[in-house]
Amino acid sequence: MNKVRPFRCFDGKALPTSVGVAIWLVASALLQRQYGQWPDTTRLLATSQMLAVIGLVFVLVRSIARLDELERRIHLEAAATAGVLLITAIAGWSFMERTGLPSVDWSLLATPVFVIAWSLGVWWIGRKFV
């Protein structure tokens, strides 16, 4: 029986793309703060962020599609769980903001929180098959 390796999808293309998109998201967010007084520049940077994330999703989906059935299932379960947790956290925090807690900028936090939850989910779910 082959050993289950669900993280093998992060190959020579997926990992550099992920790091590149992360760097671009941080750099473009800093540029948006610096040039926020110019709406056209802000829109252009926001559009570039959106396109970078779309490209990253495309690369990751293709990488995961090359995995075997079990490894794909592990990723799908982990992604679904991470999505549910993230939606619950955003909705729950928005309710708490009404009680006076500070506002959270989910546009900056949603992606890292999802990635961390997804990675932990892949590790946690994959443990039972190793």
C-alpha atoms as a PDB file:
ATOM      1  CA  MET A   1       0.000   0.000   0.000  1.00  0.00           C
ATOM      2  CA  ASN A   2       1.331   3.431  -0.949  1.00  0.00           C
ATOM      3  CA  LYS A   3       1.888   5.999   1.726  1.00  0.00           C
ATOM      4  CA  VAL A   4      -0.599   8.875   1.611  1.00  0.00           C
ATOM      5  CA  ARG A   5       1.169  12.162   0.909  1.00  0.00           C
ATOM      6  CA  PRO A   6      -1.491  14.864   0.547  1.00  0.00           C
ATOM      7  CA  PHE A   7       1.041  17.713   0.577  1.00  0.00           C
ATOM      8  CA  ARG A   8       2.836  16.478  -2.562  1.00  0.00           C
ATOM      9  CA  CYS A   9       0.587  18.731  -4.649  1.00  0.00           C
ATOM     10  CA  PHE A  10       2.691  21.682  -3.478  1.00  0.00           C
ATOM     11  CA  ASP A  11       5.305  21.067  -6.114  1.00  0.00           C
ATOM     12  CA  GLY A  12       7.732  23.285  -8.012  1.00  0.00           C
ATOM     13  CA  LYS A  13       4.908  25.338  -9.501  1.00  0.00           C
ATOM     14  CA  ALA A  14       2.373  25.655  -6.678  1.00  0.00           C
ATOM     15  CA  LEU A  15       4.776  26.690  -3.933  1.00  0.00           C
ATOM     16  CA  PRO A  16       6.559  29.512  -5.797  1.00  0.00           C
ATOM     17  CA  THR A  17       3.207  30.764  -7.103  1.00  0.00           C
ATOM     18  CA  SER A  18       1.803  30.805  -3.555  1.00  0.00           C
ATOM     19  CA  VAL A  19       4.790  32.694  -2.199  1.00  0.00           C
ATOM     20  CA  GLY A  20       4.724  35.131  -5.117  1.00  0.00           C
ATOM     21  CA  VAL A  21       1.022  35.865  -4.656  1.00  0.00           C
ATOM     22  CA  ALA A  22       1.509  36.332  -0.903  1.00  0.00           C
ATOM     23  CA  ILE A  23       4.324  38.816  -1.515  1.00  0.00           C
ATOM     24  CA  TRP A  24       2.253  40.665  -4.107  1.00  0.00           C
ATOM     25  CA  LEU A  25      -0.790  40.870  -1.806  1.00  0.00           C
ATOM     26  CA  VAL A  26       1.282  42.416   0.981  1.00  0.00           C
ATOM     27  CA  ALA A  27       3.151  44.768  -1.385  1.00  0.00           C
ATOM     28  CA  SER A  28      -0.015  45.908  -3.147  1.00  0.00           C
ATOM     29  CA  ALA A  29      -1.788  46.457   0.190  1.00  0.00           C
ATOM     30  CA  LEU A  30       1.087  48.702   1.261  1.00  0.00           C
ATOM     31  CA  LEU A  31       0.892  50.544  -2.071  1.00  0.00           C
ATOM     32  CA  GLN A  32      -2.862  51.002  -1.604  1.00  0.00           C
ATOM     33  CA  ARG A  33      -2.267  52.641   1.758  1.00  0.00           C
ATOM     34  CA  GLN A  34       0.385  54.911   0.293  1.00  0.00           C
ATOM     35  CA  TYR A  35      -1.597  55.923  -2.808  1.00  0.00           C
ATOM     36  CA  GLY A  36      -5.104  55.622  -1.358  1.00  0.00           C
ATOM     37  CA  GLN A  37      -5.970  59.182  -2.327  1.00  0.00           C
ATOM     38  CA  TRP A  38      -6.002  58.169  -6.013  1.00  0.00           C
ATOM     39  CA  PRO A  39      -9.097  56.020  -6.648  1.00  0.00           C
ATOM     40  CA  ASP A  40      -7.931  54.744 -10.050  1.00  0.00           C
ATOM     41  CA  THR A  41      -4.657  53.470  -8.593  1.00  0.00           C
ATOM     42  CA  THR A  42      -6.508  51.835  -5.719  1.00  0.00           C
ATOM     43  CA  ARG A  43      -8.913  50.112  -8.126  1.00  0.00           C
ATOM     44  CA  LEU A  44      -6.040  48.920 -10.302  1.00  0.00           C
ATOM     45  CA  LEU A  45      -4.229  47.447  -7.294  1.00  0.00           C
ATOM     46  CA  ALA A  46      -7.419  45.811  -6.005  1.00  0.00           C
ATOM     47  CA  THR A  47      -8.034  44.298  -9.438  1.00  0.00           C
ATOM     48  CA  SER A  48      -4.469  42.978  -9.550  1.00  0.00           C
ATOM     49  CA  GLN A  49      -4.949  41.412  -6.104  1.00  0.00           C
ATOM     50  CA  MET A  50      -8.159  39.732  -7.257  1.00  0.00           C
ATOM     51  CA  LEU A  51      -6.503  38.394 -10.423  1.00  0.00           C
ATOM     52  CA  ALA A  52      -3.504  37.123  -8.434  1.00  0.00           C
ATOM     53  CA  VAL A  53      -5.774  35.178  -6.083  1.00  0.00           C
ATOM     54  CA  ILE A  54      -7.784  33.785  -9.015  1.00  0.00           C
ATOM     55  CA  GLY A  55      -4.537  32.649 -10.652  1.00  0.00           C
ATOM     56  CA  LEU A  56      -3.367  31.045  -7.413  1.00  0.00           C
ATOM     57  CA  VAL A  57      -6.659  29.174  -7.026  1.00  0.00           C
ATOM     58  CA  PHE A  58      -6.316  27.914 -10.612  1.00  0.00           C
ATOM     59  CA  VAL A  59      -2.763  26.649  -9.977  1.00  0.00           C
ATOM     60  CA  LEU A  60      -3.742  24.979  -6.692  1.00  0.00           C
ATOM     61  CA  VAL A  61      -6.838  23.310  -8.147  1.00  0.00           C
ATOM     62  CA  ARG A  62      -4.742  21.881 -10.983  1.00  0.00           C
ATOM     63  CA  SER A  63      -2.133  20.629  -8.505  1.00  0.00           C
ATOM     64  CA  ILE A  64      -4.753  18.972  -6.318  1.00  0.00           C
ATOM     65  CA  ALA A  65      -6.443  17.430  -9.365  1.00  0.00           C
ATOM     66  CA  ARG A  66      -3.246  15.448 -10.034  1.00  0.00           C
ATOM     67  CA  LEU A  67      -3.467  13.704  -6.660  1.00  0.00           C
ATOM     68  CA  ASP A  68      -5.014  10.282  -6.216  1.00  0.00           C
ATOM     69  CA  GLU A  69      -8.597   9.919  -4.987  1.00  0.00           C
ATOM     70  CA  LEU A  70      -7.800   9.641  -1.288  1.00  0.00           C
ATOM     71  CA  GLU A  71      -5.437  12.623  -1.262  1.00  0.00           C
ATOM     72  CA  ARG A  72      -7.971  14.691  -3.225  1.00  0.00           C
ATOM     73  CA  ARG A  73     -10.678  13.743  -0.730  1.00  0.00           C
ATOM     74  CA  ILE A  74      -8.450  14.826   2.154  1.00  0.00           C
ATOM     75  CA  HIS A  75      -7.970  18.230   0.510  1.00  0.00           C
ATOM     76  CA  LEU A  76     -11.656  18.665  -0.277  1.00  0.00           C
ATOM     77  CA  GLU A  77     -12.712  17.802   3.281  1.00  0.00           C
ATOM     78  CA  ALA A  78     -10.060  20.114   4.725  1.00  0.00           C
ATOM     79  CA  ALA A  79     -11.040  22.978   2.401  1.00  0.00           C
ATOM     80  CA  ALA A  80     -14.741  22.543   3.186  1.00  0.00           C
ATOM     81  CA  THR A  81     -14.054  22.502   6.920  1.00  0.00           C
ATOM     82  CA  ALA A  82     -11.789  25.549   6.669  1.00  0.00           C
ATOM     83  CA  GLY A  83     -14.457  27.404   4.685  1.00  0.00           C
ATOM     84  CA  VAL A  84     -17.156  26.634   7.225  1.00  0.00           C
ATOM     85  CA  LEU A  85     -14.895  27.689  10.099  1.00  0.00           C
ATOM     86  CA  LEU A  86     -13.953  30.925   8.340  1.00  0.00           C
ATOM     87  CA  ILE A  87     -17.560  31.827   7.511  1.00  0.00           C
ATOM     88  CA  THR A  88     -18.553  31.085  11.096  1.00  0.00           C
ATOM     89  CA  ALA A  89     -15.698  33.216  12.452  1.00  0.00           C
ATOM     90  CA  ILE A  90     -16.545  36.169  10.172  1.00  0.00           C
ATOM     91  CA  ALA A  91     -20.262  36.001  10.964  1.00  0.00           C
ATOM     92  CA  GLY A  92     -19.653  35.501  14.677  1.00  0.00           C
ATOM     93  CA  TRP A  93     -17.204  38.388  14.869  1.00  0.00           C
ATOM     94  CA  SER A  94     -19.601  40.688  12.996  1.00  0.00           C
ATOM     95  CA  PHE A  95     -22.216  39.941  15.667  1.00  0.00           C
ATOM     96  CA  MET A  96     -19.665  40.706  18.367  1.00  0.00           C
ATOM     97  CA  GLU A  97     -18.716  44.013  16.714  1.00  0.00           C
ATOM     98  CA  ARG A  98     -22.257  45.193  17.430  1.00  0.00           C
ATOM     99  CA  THR A  99     -21.515  44.733  21.136  1.00  0.00           C
ATOM    100  CA  GLY A 100     -18.556  47.100  20.976  1.00  0.00           C
ATOM    101  CA  LEU A 101     -15.628  44.817  20.123  1.00  0.00           C
ATOM    102  CA  PRO A 102     -13.148  46.268  17.621  1.00  0.00           C
ATOM    103  CA  SER A 103     -13.732  45.875  13.903  1.00  0.00           C
ATOM    104  CA  VAL A 104     -11.627  43.319  12.032  1.00  0.00           C
ATOM    105  CA  ASP A 105     -10.522  43.854   8.426  1.00  0.00           C
ATOM    106  CA  TRP A 106     -11.365  40.413   7.035  1.00  0.00           C
ATOM    107  CA  SER A 107     -10.098  41.410   3.586  1.00  0.00           C
ATOM    108  CA  LEU A 108      -6.597  41.041   5.032  1.00  0.00           C
ATOM    109  CA  LEU A 109      -7.220  38.150   7.412  1.00  0.00           C
ATOM    110  CA  ALA A 110      -9.539  35.831   5.479  1.00  0.00           C
ATOM    111  CA  THR A 111      -6.936  34.349   3.137  1.00  0.00           C
ATOM    112  CA  PRO A 112      -4.237  33.594   5.741  1.00  0.00           C
ATOM    113  CA  VAL A 113      -6.809  32.199   8.176  1.00  0.00           C
ATOM    114  CA  PHE A 114      -8.261  29.977   5.439  1.00  0.00           C
ATOM    115  CA  VAL A 115      -4.822  28.733   4.366  1.00  0.00           C
ATOM    116  CA  ILE A 116      -3.786  27.924   7.929  1.00  0.00           C
ATOM    117  CA  ALA A 117      -7.090  26.158   8.664  1.00  0.00           C
ATOM    118  CA  TRP A 118      -6.887  24.235   5.372  1.00  0.00           C
ATOM    119  CA  SER A 119      -3.289  23.153   6.037  1.00  0.00           C
ATOM    120  CA  LEU A 120      -4.092  22.041   9.562  1.00  0.00           C
ATOM    121  CA  GLY A 121      -7.141  20.206   8.191  1.00  0.00           C
ATOM    122  CA  VAL A 122      -5.070  18.360   5.588  1.00  0.00           C
ATOM    123  CA  TRP A 123      -2.582  17.375   8.275  1.00  0.00           C
ATOM    124  CA  TRP A 124      -5.309  16.354  10.765  1.00  0.00           C
ATOM    125  CA  ILE A 125      -7.456  14.384   8.297  1.00  0.00           C
ATOM    126  CA  GLY A 126      -4.400  12.847   6.612  1.00  0.00           C
ATOM    127  CA  ARG A 127      -3.092  11.466   9.920  1.00  0.00           C
ATOM    128  CA  LYS A 128      -5.643   8.666   9.976  1.00  0.00           C
ATOM    129  CA  PHE A 129      -4.491   7.366   6.593  1.00  0.00           C
ATOM    130  CA  VAL A 130      -0.733   7.344   7.187  1.00  0.00           C
END
